[in-house]
C-alpha cells in the first residue's frame, strides 16, 4: 500500500512528465489489481468465509461536459470485475448531466475488489485523460484538417473525445476480464474459484436494495473513429505488473 501511495503521488505531481505519470499510474493500478484480486481469492479458498458486499463513491470530472462518457467507461471497468455502479449528479435544473456541477459514482461489489478499485479508478482516469489528448491532436490534424468552421470543429472534437472515453473503458474491461479468467485458472480446483461464481447474485441483490427502481442511463451515439482509437489505447493500458518496466523505489516520492 505504501508503494502504491508513492506511485500515485508521483503520477499526480504537477512536475511529473506525461509519460512518467502514465507509467507510475499504471504501476499502481497493476499492483492493486493483482494483489487485490488474488488476496480475495485466497481468503475465500483458505477460510471459506463469505465476502462482504459494500459500496464506494468516486467523484467523476465533468470538465467539458463529458461526465456521462467518463462514467460509462468506468462502469465498464467495474462490471468487468464483478461490480455494479450507478451515478448521480447535481447542477442546474433542466440541463442534465452535461451541465452538472458534481458527478458521483457509487460502485457496489466485494470489499477486497472495492479496495482495488479505490486505486484503480483514479489511476485509469489519469491514464485515460493523458491518452485522449494526443489522440485528439492526431484526429484534428488529419480528419479535421479541412474543416474551417470553428463550431463544427469544436463539436467534432467533443464527439471524438466522448467516444474515446467509452472506447478506452471497453478496451480496459477486456483486459480485466482476461486477468480475472487467468486468476480463476490459477486457483482452479482449490475452491477459491467459487469467489468469482457466486459474487454476481450478491452484488445484484445489494445494488437493487440500495437503488430500487433505478432508471438506466440514456445512451448516446458515438463517433466511430474516437471509439476505436480509445479502445486501442485501453487494450494497451499497462494493468499487468509483470509486463511493466520497473520503477526503482529510490525514484518514488517519500
Protein backbone atom coordinates (compact mmCIF):
# COMPACT_ATOMS: atom_id res chain seq x y z
CA UNK A 1 0.00 0.00 0.00
CA UNK A 2 2.88 2.37 0.74
CA UNK A 3 4.38 1.68 -2.70
CA UNK A 4 1.00 2.30 -4.33
CA UNK A 5 0.61 5.57 -2.43
CA UNK A 6 4.03 6.77 -3.54
CA UNK A 7 3.35 5.79 -7.14
CA UNK A 8 0.14 7.82 -7.15
CA UNK A 9 1.91 10.78 -5.55
CA UNK A 10 4.42 10.66 -8.39
CA UNK A 11 1.71 10.31 -11.05
CA UNK A 12 -0.31 13.25 -9.74
CA UNK A 13 2.57 15.63 -9.07
CA UNK A 14 2.42 18.66 -11.41
CA UNK A 15 6.15 18.40 -12.14
CA UNK A 16 5.87 14.81 -13.39
CA UNK A 17 6.02 14.39 -17.16
CA UNK A 18 3.10 12.84 -19.02
CA UNK A 19 4.89 9.60 -19.90
CA UNK A 20 6.27 9.13 -16.39
CA UNK A 21 2.87 9.91 -14.85
CA UNK A 22 1.16 7.32 -17.03
CA UNK A 23 3.78 4.71 -16.13
CA UNK A 24 3.51 5.39 -12.38
CA UNK A 25 -0.27 5.29 -12.55
CA UNK A 26 -0.18 2.01 -14.43
CA UNK A 27 2.15 0.51 -11.80
CA UNK A 28 -0.25 1.49 -9.02
CA UNK A 29 -3.25 0.03 -10.84
CA UNK A 30 -1.37 -3.18 -11.63
CA UNK A 31 -0.32 -3.75 -8.04
CA UNK A 32 -3.83 -3.20 -6.66
CA UNK A 33 -5.43 -5.25 -9.40
CA UNK A 34 -3.21 -8.28 -9.00
CA UNK A 35 -2.84 -8.39 -5.23
CA UNK A 36 -6.38 -7.23 -4.51
CA UNK A 37 -7.96 -9.95 -6.62
CA UNK A 38 -5.51 -12.63 -5.54
CA UNK A 39 -5.96 -11.83 -1.86
CA UNK A 40 -9.71 -12.06 -2.29
CA UNK A 41 -9.46 -15.47 -3.93
CA UNK A 42 -7.02 -16.73 -1.32
CA UNK A 43 -9.21 -15.56 1.54
CA UNK A 44 -12.21 -17.46 0.20
CA UNK A 45 -10.12 -20.54 -0.54
CA UNK A 46 -8.48 -20.73 2.88
CA UNK A 47 -11.22 -19.59 5.24
CA UNK A 48 -14.40 -20.45 3.42
CA UNK A 49 -15.86 -17.16 4.67
CA UNK A 50 -18.45 -15.28 2.67
CA UNK A 51 -17.48 -11.97 1.14
CA UNK A 52 -18.90 -8.71 2.37
CA UNK A 53 -20.67 -6.72 -0.32
CA UNK A 54 -20.38 -2.99 0.18
CA UNK A 55 -20.12 0.25 -1.79
CA UNK A 56 -17.67 3.07 -2.50
CA UNK A 57 -18.11 6.51 -4.03
CA UNK A 58 -15.91 8.11 -6.67
CA UNK A 59 -16.07 11.69 -7.92
CA UNK A 60 -16.05 12.00 -11.72
CA UNK A 61 -14.96 15.17 -13.51
CA UNK A 62 -17.48 16.89 -15.77
CA UNK A 63 -14.81 19.03 -17.43
CA UNK A 64 -16.00 19.82 -20.95
CA UNK A 65 -19.43 18.35 -20.15
CA UNK A 66 -18.11 14.80 -20.69
CA UNK A 67 -19.01 13.19 -17.34
CA UNK A 68 -21.54 10.82 -18.90
CA UNK A 69 -18.91 9.16 -21.09
CA UNK A 70 -16.30 9.13 -18.32
CA UNK A 71 -18.82 7.33 -16.09
CA UNK A 72 -19.70 4.98 -18.94
CA UNK A 73 -16.05 4.00 -19.28
CA UNK A 74 -15.60 3.41 -15.54
CA UNK A 75 -18.85 1.43 -15.29
CA UNK A 76 -17.48 -0.95 -17.92
CA UNK A 77 -14.33 -1.41 -15.84
CA UNK A 78 -16.30 -2.09 -12.65
CA UNK A 79 -18.57 -4.60 -14.38
CA UNK A 80 -15.53 -6.49 -15.68
CA UNK A 81 -14.52 -7.06 -12.03
CA UNK A 82 -17.96 -8.28 -10.97
CA UNK A 83 -19.15 -4.95 -9.53
CA UNK A 84 -22.08 -2.75 -10.45
CA UNK A 85 -22.33 1.02 -10.41
CA UNK A 86 -24.70 3.96 -10.61
CA UNK A 87 -24.05 7.67 -10.91
CA UNK A 88 -25.87 10.80 -9.83
CA UNK A 89 -25.28 14.48 -10.29
CA UNK A 90 -26.22 17.93 -9.05
CA UNK A 91 -26.36 21.06 -11.13
CA UNK A 92 -28.62 23.45 -12.98
CA UNK A 93 -32.16 22.07 -13.22
CA UNK A 94 -33.13 21.09 -16.74
CA UNK A 95 -29.59 20.94 -18.13
CA UNK A 96 -28.98 17.28 -17.30
CA UNK A 97 -25.60 15.71 -16.65
CA UNK A 98 -23.88 17.89 -19.28
CA UNK A 99 -24.38 20.88 -17.00
CA UNK A 100 -23.67 19.09 -13.74
CA UNK A 101 -21.52 20.76 -11.12
CA UNK A 102 -20.80 17.49 -9.31
CA UNK A 103 -20.98 13.89 -10.54
CA UNK A 104 -20.59 10.93 -8.17
CA UNK A 105 -20.34 7.23 -8.99
CA UNK A 106 -21.39 4.62 -6.44
CA UNK A 107 -19.89 1.18 -7.02
CA UNK A 108 -21.28 -1.94 -5.32
CA UNK A 109 -19.05 -5.00 -5.00
CA UNK A 110 -17.00 -7.29 -2.74
CA UNK A 111 -14.90 -5.45 -0.14
CA UNK A 112 -11.49 -6.54 -1.40
CA UNK A 113 -12.29 -5.75 -5.03
CA UNK A 114 -13.54 -2.32 -3.93
CA UNK A 115 -10.20 -1.80 -2.17
CA UNK A 116 -8.51 -2.28 -5.52
CA UNK A 117 -10.99 -0.05 -7.32
CA UNK A 118 -10.24 2.81 -4.92
CA UNK A 119 -6.83 2.99 -6.58
CA UNK A 120 -7.68 1.56 -9.98
CA UNK A 121 -10.41 4.08 -10.87
CA UNK A 122 -8.32 7.25 -10.34
CA UNK A 123 -5.35 5.53 -11.98
CA UNK A 124 -7.38 4.64 -15.07
CA UNK A 125 -8.90 8.11 -15.16
CA UNK A 126 -5.42 9.61 -15.22
CA UNK A 127 -4.28 7.27 -17.99
CA UNK A 128 -7.45 7.96 -19.98
CA UNK A 129 -7.05 11.73 -19.79
CA UNK A 130 -3.35 11.53 -20.63
CA UNK A 131 -4.01 9.42 -23.72
CA UNK A 132 -7.04 11.24 -25.13
CA UNK A 133 -5.07 14.45 -25.68
CA UNK A 134 -2.51 13.12 -28.20
CA UNK A 135 -5.23 11.03 -29.89
CA UNK A 136 -7.37 14.14 -30.31
CA UNK A 137 -4.40 16.11 -31.68
CA UNK A 138 -3.81 13.42 -34.30
CA UNK A 139 -7.50 13.37 -35.20
CA UNK A 140 -7.60 17.17 -35.52
CA UNK A 141 -4.52 17.18 -37.74
CA UNK A 142 -5.94 14.56 -40.11
CA UNK A 143 -9.72 14.09 -40.16
CA UNK A 144 -10.49 17.70 -39.22
CA UNK A 145 -7.69 19.36 -41.19
CA UNK A 146 -10.07 20.59 -43.91
CA UNK A 147 -12.79 21.75 -41.50
CA UNK A 148 -12.61 25.53 -41.18
CA UNK A 149 -15.86 26.23 -39.33
CA UNK A 150 -14.92 26.67 -35.66
CA UNK A 151 -18.24 25.44 -34.25
CA UNK A 152 -18.15 22.33 -36.41
CA UNK A 153 -14.56 21.59 -35.38
CA UNK A 154 -15.46 22.03 -31.71
CA UNK A 155 -18.45 19.67 -32.00
CA UNK A 156 -16.40 17.08 -33.88
CA UNK A 157 -13.61 17.27 -31.30
CA UNK A 158 -16.10 16.84 -28.44
CA UNK A 159 -17.69 13.85 -30.18
CA UNK A 160 -14.27 12.24 -30.69
CA UNK A 161 -13.28 12.79 -27.05
CA UNK A 162 -16.52 11.37 -25.67
CA UNK A 163 -16.28 8.28 -27.85
CA UNK A 164 -12.62 7.84 -26.93
CA UNK A 165 -13.54 7.60 -23.23
CA UNK A 166 -16.09 4.84 -23.85
CA UNK A 167 -13.69 3.01 -26.15
CA UNK A 168 -10.93 3.24 -23.56
CA UNK A 169 -13.20 1.71 -20.91
CA UNK A 170 -14.16 -1.05 -23.33
CA UNK A 171 -10.52 -1.90 -24.03
CA UNK A 172 -9.56 -1.92 -20.35
CA UNK A 173 -12.61 -4.05 -19.47
CA UNK A 174 -11.48 -6.66 -22.00
CA UNK A 175 -8.03 -6.79 -20.39
CA UNK A 176 -9.54 -7.08 -16.92
CA UNK A 177 -11.81 -9.95 -17.92
CA UNK A 178 -8.77 -11.75 -19.31
CA UNK A 179 -6.98 -11.14 -15.99
CA UNK A 180 -9.92 -12.45 -13.96
CA UNK A 181 -10.02 -15.55 -16.17
CA UNK A 182 -6.28 -16.04 -15.61
CA UNK A 183 -6.66 -15.82 -11.83
CA UNK A 184 -9.61 -18.23 -11.91
CA UNK A 185 -7.47 -20.71 -13.84
CA UNK A 186 -4.60 -20.32 -11.38
CA UNK A 187 -6.78 -21.24 -8.39
CA UNK A 188 -8.98 -23.82 -10.14
CA UNK A 189 -9.56 -26.91 -8.03
CA UNK A 190 -8.78 -25.18 -4.74
CA UNK A 191 -12.27 -23.92 -4.02
CA UNK A 192 -11.13 -20.34 -4.45
CA UNK A 193 -12.65 -20.07 -7.93
CA UNK A 194 -16.09 -20.02 -6.32
CA UNK A 195 -15.44 -16.41 -5.37
CA UNK A 196 -15.97 -15.34 -8.96
CA UNK A 197 -19.04 -17.53 -9.49
CA UNK A 198 -21.38 -16.52 -6.68
CA UNK A 199 -20.49 -12.83 -6.44
CA UNK A 200 -22.84 -11.70 -9.25
CA UNK A 201 -26.06 -12.57 -7.42
CA UNK A 202 -24.81 -11.00 -4.18
CA UNK A 203 -23.81 -7.78 -5.92
CA UNK A 204 -27.09 -7.62 -7.84
CA UNK A 205 -29.12 -8.07 -4.66
CA UNK A 206 -27.23 -5.34 -2.79
CA UNK A 207 -27.44 -2.99 -5.77
CA UNK A 208 -31.22 -3.43 -6.08
CA UNK A 209 -31.57 -2.91 -2.33
CA UNK A 210 -29.71 0.40 -2.48
CA UNK A 211 -31.16 1.63 -5.76
CA UNK A 212 -34.72 0.30 -6.13
CA UNK A 213 -36.34 1.27 -9.41
CA UNK A 214 -33.22 2.99 -10.75
CA UNK A 215 -33.58 4.14 -14.35
CA UNK A 216 -30.88 3.13 -16.85
CA UNK A 217 -28.74 5.96 -18.18
CA UNK A 218 -29.57 7.26 -21.63
CA UNK A 219 -27.07 6.09 -24.23
CA UNK A 220 -25.59 8.38 -26.86
CA UNK A 221 -24.37 7.74 -30.42
CA UNK A 222 -20.59 7.54 -30.56
CA UNK A 223 -18.02 8.77 -33.04
CA UNK A 224 -16.66 5.64 -34.72
CA UNK A 225 -13.04 6.79 -35.02
CA UNK A 226 -12.96 8.09 -31.47
CA UNK A 227 -14.33 4.83 -30.07
CA UNK A 228 -11.85 2.61 -31.89
CA UNK A 229 -8.96 4.91 -31.03
CA UNK A 230 -9.95 4.76 -27.35
CA UNK A 231 -10.43 1.02 -27.41
CA UNK A 232 -6.98 0.52 -28.87
CA UNK A 233 -5.49 2.71 -26.13
CA UNK A 234 -7.43 0.83 -23.45
CA UNK A 235 -6.20 -2.50 -24.75
CA UNK A 236 -2.64 -1.20 -24.48
CA UNK A 237 -3.13 0.04 -20.92
CA UNK A 238 -0.48 -1.38 -18.59
CA UNK A 239 -2.52 -3.23 -15.99
CA UNK A 240 -0.32 -6.28 -15.58
CA UNK A 241 2.59 -5.66 -13.21
CA UNK A 242 4.60 -8.49 -14.76
CA UNK A 243 4.90 -6.60 -18.06
CA UNK A 244 5.74 -3.17 -16.67
CA UNK A 245 9.25 -1.72 -16.66
CA UNK A 246 10.48 -1.33 -13.11
CA UNK A 247 10.43 1.92 -11.20
CA UNK A 248 13.08 1.83 -8.52
CA UNK A 249 11.95 2.66 -5.00
CA UNK A 250 14.53 5.46 -4.92
CA UNK A 251 12.65 7.18 -7.78
CA UNK A 252 9.39 7.37 -5.83
CA UNK A 253 8.35 10.27 -3.58
CA UNK A 254 8.56 9.66 0.14
